[in-house]
Protein backbone atom coordinates (compact mmCIF):
# COMPACT_ATOMS: atom_id res chain seq x y z
CA MET A 1 -0.03 -2.35 33.33
CA THR A 2 -2.22 -1.59 30.33
CA ASP A 3 -2.93 -4.23 27.76
CA ARG A 4 -2.96 -1.65 24.96
CA ILE A 5 -0.04 -2.23 22.58
CA ALA A 6 1.37 -0.22 19.68
CA LEU A 7 4.09 -1.30 17.25
CA LEU A 8 6.27 1.39 15.67
CA VAL A 9 7.79 0.92 12.21
CA VAL A 10 10.34 3.63 11.49
CA HIS A 11 12.33 4.76 8.45
CA THR A 12 15.66 4.67 10.29
CA GLY A 13 17.47 6.29 7.36
CA ARG A 14 15.75 9.60 8.11
CA ARG A 15 16.77 11.67 11.13
CA ALA A 16 13.31 13.21 11.30
CA ALA A 17 11.73 9.76 11.51
CA LEU A 18 14.11 8.66 14.28
CA SER A 19 13.46 11.84 16.25
CA ALA A 20 9.70 11.51 15.82
CA GLY A 21 9.89 7.82 16.74
CA ARG A 22 11.72 8.53 20.00
CA ASP A 23 9.28 11.30 20.90
CA LEU A 24 6.29 9.11 20.12
CA ILE A 25 7.66 6.22 22.19
CA THR A 26 8.20 8.55 25.16
CA HIS A 27 4.70 10.05 24.86
CA LEU A 28 2.86 6.74 24.40
CA ALA A 29 4.81 4.89 27.10
CA GLY A 30 4.34 7.84 29.45
CA SER A 31 0.59 7.64 28.83
CA GLY A 32 0.52 3.96 29.77
CA MET A 33 0.68 2.19 26.40
CA GLN A 34 3.07 -0.68 25.75
CA VAL A 35 5.28 0.20 22.79
CA ARG A 36 7.05 -2.33 20.59
CA VAL A 37 9.75 -1.67 18.02
CA LEU A 38 11.30 -4.03 15.50
CA GLU A 39 14.59 -5.61 16.57
CA SER A 40 16.10 -4.51 13.27
CA GLU A 41 15.34 -0.87 14.21
CA SER A 42 15.81 -0.88 17.98
CA ASP A 43 19.52 0.02 17.97
CA ALA A 44 18.92 3.07 15.76
CA LEU A 45 16.04 4.22 17.98
CA ALA A 46 17.95 3.52 21.21
CA CYS A 47 14.89 4.02 23.39
CA ALA A 48 14.60 2.17 26.70
CA ASP A 49 10.83 2.68 26.87
CA ALA A 50 10.19 0.35 23.92
CA GLN A 51 10.23 -3.44 23.75
CA PRO A 52 12.15 -4.90 20.76
CA VAL A 53 10.33 -7.75 19.00
CA PRO A 54 11.49 -10.03 16.16
CA THR A 55 11.06 -8.55 12.69
CA ASP A 56 8.61 -11.16 11.45
CA ALA A 57 4.93 -11.54 10.56
CA GLN A 58 4.01 -11.89 14.26
CA ALA A 59 5.52 -8.56 15.33
CA ALA A 60 2.11 -6.89 15.71
CA ASP A 61 0.23 -9.84 17.23
CA GLY A 62 -2.04 -8.54 19.98
CA ALA A 63 -1.35 -4.90 19.05
CA GLU A 64 -4.13 -2.37 18.70
CA LEU A 65 -2.13 -0.11 16.46
CA VAL A 66 0.84 -0.08 14.09
CA VAL A 67 2.35 3.37 13.54
CA ALA A 68 4.51 3.96 10.47
CA LEU A 69 6.91 6.92 10.57
CA GLY A 70 8.35 7.78 7.17
CA GLY A 71 6.78 7.96 3.73
CA ASP A 72 4.31 5.78 1.89
CA GLY A 73 7.02 3.12 1.45
CA THR A 74 7.33 2.82 5.22
CA LEU A 75 3.56 2.54 5.53
CA LEU A 76 3.48 -0.27 2.96
CA ARG A 77 6.19 -2.06 4.95
CA ALA A 78 4.22 -1.54 8.15
CA ALA A 79 1.13 -2.99 6.45
CA GLU A 80 2.97 -6.32 6.26
CA PHE A 81 2.84 -6.45 10.08
CA ALA A 82 -0.57 -4.81 10.63
CA ARG A 83 -2.59 -6.88 8.15
CA PRO A 84 -2.01 -10.41 9.57
CA ALA A 85 -2.57 -9.10 13.11
CA GLY A 86 -5.74 -7.21 12.19
CA ALA A 87 -4.22 -4.11 13.79
CA ALA A 88 -5.12 -0.58 12.70
CA LEU A 89 -2.41 1.20 10.72
CA LEU A 90 -1.53 4.87 11.20
CA GLY A 91 0.90 6.66 8.90
CA VAL A 92 2.91 9.69 10.01
CA ASN A 93 4.26 11.45 6.93
CA LEU A 94 7.94 12.35 7.02
CA GLY A 95 8.46 11.84 3.28
CA HIS A 96 7.39 13.79 0.21
CA VAL A 97 3.83 13.35 -1.05
CA GLY A 98 2.85 10.83 1.63
CA PHE A 99 -0.56 10.12 0.16
CA LEU A 100 -1.41 7.25 2.52
CA ALA A 101 -0.22 8.93 5.69
CA GLU A 102 -2.79 10.51 7.99
CA ALA A 103 -0.66 12.75 10.22
CA ASP A 104 2.42 14.95 10.03
CA ARG A 105 5.30 15.42 12.49
CA THR A 106 3.72 18.62 13.79
CA ASP A 107 0.58 16.70 14.82
CA LEU A 108 2.42 14.45 17.31
CA ASP A 109 0.92 15.73 20.59
CA ALA A 110 -2.63 15.77 19.25
CA MET A 111 -2.08 12.33 17.68
CA VAL A 112 -1.00 10.81 21.02
CA GLU A 113 -4.07 12.28 22.69
CA ARG A 114 -6.34 10.80 20.01
CA ILE A 115 -4.65 7.40 20.28
CA MET A 116 -4.89 7.26 24.06
CA SER A 117 -8.56 8.30 24.04
CA SER A 118 -9.30 5.87 21.16
CA SER A 119 -10.93 8.78 19.32
CA TYR A 120 -10.04 7.77 15.80
CA ASP A 121 -11.85 6.07 12.94
CA VAL A 122 -10.70 2.99 11.05
CA GLU A 123 -11.25 2.62 7.33
CA GLU A 124 -10.94 -0.78 5.67
CA ARG A 125 -9.04 -0.77 2.37
CA MET A 126 -9.32 -3.64 -0.06
CA THR A 127 -6.26 -5.66 -0.92
CA LEU A 128 -5.26 -7.88 -3.84
CA TYR A 129 -4.41 -11.57 -3.77
CA VAL A 130 -1.95 -12.80 -6.40
CA ALA A 131 -1.03 -16.35 -7.43
CA VAL A 132 1.52 -17.36 -10.07
CA ARG A 133 0.78 -20.61 -11.88
CA ARG A 134 3.33 -22.68 -13.79
CA GLY A 135 1.33 -25.30 -15.60
CA GLU A 136 -1.05 -26.73 -13.01
CA GLN A 137 1.16 -25.81 -10.08
CA VAL A 138 0.94 -22.59 -8.03
CA VAL A 139 4.58 -21.57 -7.57
CA ALA A 140 4.02 -18.34 -5.61
CA ARG A 141 1.34 -16.51 -3.62
CA ASP A 142 1.32 -12.97 -2.23
CA TRP A 143 -0.86 -9.92 -1.61
CA ALA A 144 -0.79 -6.15 -2.09
CA LEU A 145 -2.43 -3.03 -0.69
CA ASN A 146 -1.49 -0.75 -3.59
CA ASP A 147 -0.71 -2.84 -6.64
CA VAL A 148 0.72 -5.88 -8.32
CA THR A 149 2.91 -4.92 -11.27
CA VAL A 150 4.20 -7.25 -13.95
CA GLU A 151 7.29 -5.75 -15.56
CA LYS A 152 9.82 -6.86 -18.12
CA ALA A 153 12.77 -8.72 -16.63
CA SER A 154 15.22 -7.54 -19.27
CA ARG A 155 15.97 -3.89 -19.75
CA GLN A 156 16.92 -4.48 -23.37
CA ARG A 157 13.61 -5.92 -24.57
CA MET A 158 9.87 -5.56 -24.11
CA VAL A 159 7.67 -8.18 -22.51
CA ASP A 160 4.67 -9.69 -24.29
CA LEU A 161 1.51 -9.98 -22.17
CA MET A 162 -1.90 -11.56 -22.73
CA VAL A 163 -4.56 -10.05 -20.45
CA GLU A 164 -7.69 -11.91 -19.38
CA VAL A 165 -10.69 -10.73 -17.35
CA ASP A 166 -13.14 -13.18 -15.78
CA GLY A 167 -11.88 -16.13 -17.78
CA ARG A 168 -12.12 -14.40 -21.16
CA PRO A 169 -9.19 -13.06 -23.23
CA LEU A 170 -9.17 -9.27 -23.51
CA SER A 171 -6.05 -8.10 -25.33
CA ARG A 172 -2.39 -8.72 -25.96
CA TRP A 173 0.34 -6.12 -25.98
CA SER A 174 4.09 -5.68 -25.85
CA GLY A 175 5.63 -3.03 -23.62
CA ASP A 176 7.11 -2.51 -20.19
CA GLY A 177 4.33 -4.43 -18.43
CA ALA A 178 1.06 -3.78 -16.61
CA VAL A 179 -0.17 -2.56 -13.22
CA VAL A 180 -3.08 -4.23 -11.44
CA ALA A 181 -4.12 -1.86 -8.65
CA THR A 182 -6.64 -1.21 -5.91
CA PRO A 183 -8.36 2.17 -5.48
CA THR A 184 -5.79 2.85 -2.74
CA GLY A 185 -3.04 2.23 -5.30
CA SER A 186 -4.70 4.38 -7.96
CA THR A 187 -2.64 7.36 -6.77
CA ALA A 188 0.63 5.41 -6.88
CA TYR A 189 2.28 3.57 -9.82
CA ALA A 190 -1.03 3.23 -11.68
CA PHE A 191 -1.39 7.02 -11.59
CA SER A 192 2.13 7.52 -12.98
CA ALA A 193 1.33 5.05 -15.78
CA GLY A 194 -1.73 7.06 -16.82
CA GLY A 195 -4.47 5.35 -14.85
CA PRO A 196 -7.50 7.04 -13.27
CA VAL A 197 -7.80 8.23 -9.69
CA VAL A 198 -10.41 6.09 -7.94
CA TRP A 199 -12.03 7.18 -4.69
CA PRO A 200 -11.26 4.77 -1.80
CA ALA A 201 -14.95 4.10 -1.16
CA VAL A 202 -15.19 2.48 -4.60
CA GLU A 203 -14.32 -1.21 -4.64
CA ALA A 204 -12.75 -2.00 -8.00
CA ILE A 205 -9.65 -3.42 -9.65
CA LEU A 206 -7.62 -1.32 -12.09
CA VAL A 207 -5.57 -2.66 -14.99
CA VAL A 208 -3.13 -0.12 -16.43
CA PRO A 209 -0.70 -0.91 -19.29
CA ILE A 210 2.85 0.40 -18.93
CA SER A 211 4.25 1.92 -22.15
CA ALA A 212 2.29 -0.55 -24.28
CA HIS A 213 2.77 -0.85 -28.06
CA ALA A 214 -0.83 -1.55 -29.07
CA LEU A 215 -3.84 0.19 -30.57
CA PHE A 216 -5.96 -0.79 -27.56
CA ALA A 217 -3.92 -0.06 -24.43
CA ARG A 218 -6.26 1.93 -22.24
CA PRO A 219 -6.63 1.76 -18.45
CA LEU A 220 -9.44 -0.54 -17.34
CA VAL A 221 -11.64 -0.52 -14.24
CA VAL A 222 -13.30 -3.86 -13.47
CA GLY A 223 -15.55 -5.02 -10.65
CA PRO A 224 -14.21 -6.08 -7.25
CA ASP A 225 -15.31 -9.67 -7.82
CA SER A 226 -13.55 -9.94 -11.17
CA LYS A 227 -10.41 -12.00 -11.65
CA VAL A 228 -7.61 -10.55 -13.76
CA ALA A 229 -5.04 -12.89 -15.27
CA ILE A 230 -1.87 -12.03 -17.17
CA GLU A 231 -0.20 -14.74 -19.24
CA LEU A 232 3.30 -14.67 -20.69
CA PRO A 233 3.18 -16.33 -24.13
CA PRO A 234 6.08 -18.47 -25.40
CA ASN A 235 9.05 -16.42 -26.63
CA GLY A 236 7.47 -13.27 -25.19
CA GLY A 237 10.17 -12.64 -22.60
CA ALA A 238 10.39 -13.21 -18.85
CA ALA A 239 8.98 -10.82 -16.27
CA ILE A 240 9.06 -9.86 -12.61
CA ALA A 241 5.94 -9.38 -10.50
CA PHE A 242 6.21 -6.74 -7.77
CA CYS A 243 3.79 -6.64 -4.84
CA ASP A 244 3.57 -3.07 -3.53
CA GLY A 245 7.00 -2.50 -5.06
CA ARG A 246 8.52 -4.45 -2.17
CA ARG A 247 8.22 -8.19 -2.69
CA THR A 248 9.20 -9.78 -6.00
CA ILE A 249 8.21 -12.95 -7.84
CA ASP A 250 10.19 -14.17 -10.85
CA VAL A 251 7.83 -14.99 -13.70
CA ALA A 252 8.91 -17.23 -16.59
CA GLU A 253 7.54 -17.50 -20.11
CA GLN A 254 4.21 -19.37 -20.18
CA ASP A 255 3.54 -18.55 -16.52
CA ARG A 256 0.14 -17.18 -15.51
CA ILE A 257 -0.36 -14.41 -12.92
CA GLU A 258 -3.86 -14.36 -11.38
CA VAL A 259 -5.02 -11.35 -9.36
CA CYS A 260 -8.28 -10.94 -7.47
CA HIS A 261 -9.84 -9.23 -4.44
CA GLY A 262 -7.95 -10.16 -1.27
CA SER A 263 -9.79 -11.81 1.61
CA GLN A 264 -8.21 -9.63 4.32
CA PRO A 265 -8.26 -5.82 4.16
CA VAL A 266 -5.78 -3.35 5.62
CA ARG A 267 -7.33 -1.18 8.36
CA LEU A 268 -6.17 2.43 7.99
CA VAL A 269 -6.56 4.94 10.83
CA ARG A 270 -8.33 8.19 10.01
CA LEU A 271 -7.88 11.09 12.45
CA SER A 272 -9.71 13.72 10.43
CA GLY A 273 -12.95 13.75 8.51
CA SER A 274 -11.46 15.53 5.51
CA ALA A 275 -12.85 14.44 2.16
CA PHE A 276 -10.72 12.50 -0.32
CA THR A 277 -11.20 15.42 -2.72
CA ASP A 278 -9.45 17.72 -0.23
CA ARG A 279 -6.62 15.22 0.12
CA LEU A 280 -6.14 15.18 -3.65
CA VAL A 281 -6.12 18.97 -3.82
CA GLY A 282 -3.65 19.25 -0.96
CA LYS A 283 -1.22 16.54 -2.03
CA PHE A 284 -1.10 17.48 -5.72
CA HIS A 285 -1.50 21.24 -5.19
CA LEU A 286 -4.43 21.34 -7.60
CA PRO A 287 -5.69 24.77 -8.76
CA VAL A 288 -9.02 25.46 -7.05
CA ARG A 289 -8.84 29.22 -6.72
CA GLY A 290 -12.11 30.81 -7.81
CA TRP A 291 -14.32 27.96 -6.57
CA ARG A 292 -17.62 29.42 -5.35
CA GLY A 293 -19.15 26.33 -3.82
CA PRO A 294 -22.64 24.84 -4.09
CA VAL A 295 -25.63 27.16 -4.21
CA GLU A 296 -27.77 26.85 -1.09
CA GLU A 297 -31.47 26.32 -1.76
């Protein structure tokens, strides 16, 4: 029996994801790999070749690989299992844009061959650490691969935010909130809010205001060792902090949200050597017709 283990995380609400999951389990198990599935998803998959494991932070312990079948949301959920285990994370896109995913459903046979021969690269992506302080007490801690967003808690009113970088006050604005993102998250919520696209090889932290009412409300790019803090002044309204759009922290007036470079990265599998520029062009259907290429000397 092989000691190579893979955990599958599947968007069970999509028939295509269930079908791909069953096929992948059959292929991997038939090639000698132990395959785990989450107990919360095992009934929907109904595959005897997979071992159900509790849906907790230890699900991927000892696993070489975590495979996410769905969209980017499924990959972010799978990252919650892969990161603490130090396992590599492979996304199979069965959603729409699927910017984080590396493979498509049609690549399944080739993907299994690459997995079994260990012929894939792993790219470390920086994460964010977030702590919420209430007075001198830390009331919540979390992390994110894409972003930490601080958004107004009430739909009827704006939230007032004071932004600080490296212990110095930067600006104050009212609006819908702010996104603090990694380069990986620069093509997610931060992009929709008007932030820049940052190449994954760049280590940096982005701060992007959301619908801010202020003269100075531009996206910021700060160094990877910087610490960003967002304070909620008195009478400025309550907020909610979202980590990767999945995990929430209630933030009260006068709370302080501190965000910095996370200590543990997420390890993303790369099957192809395609440039990030090509990924941008392909995912956003950018107009490149007429490009002539570099002139050879």
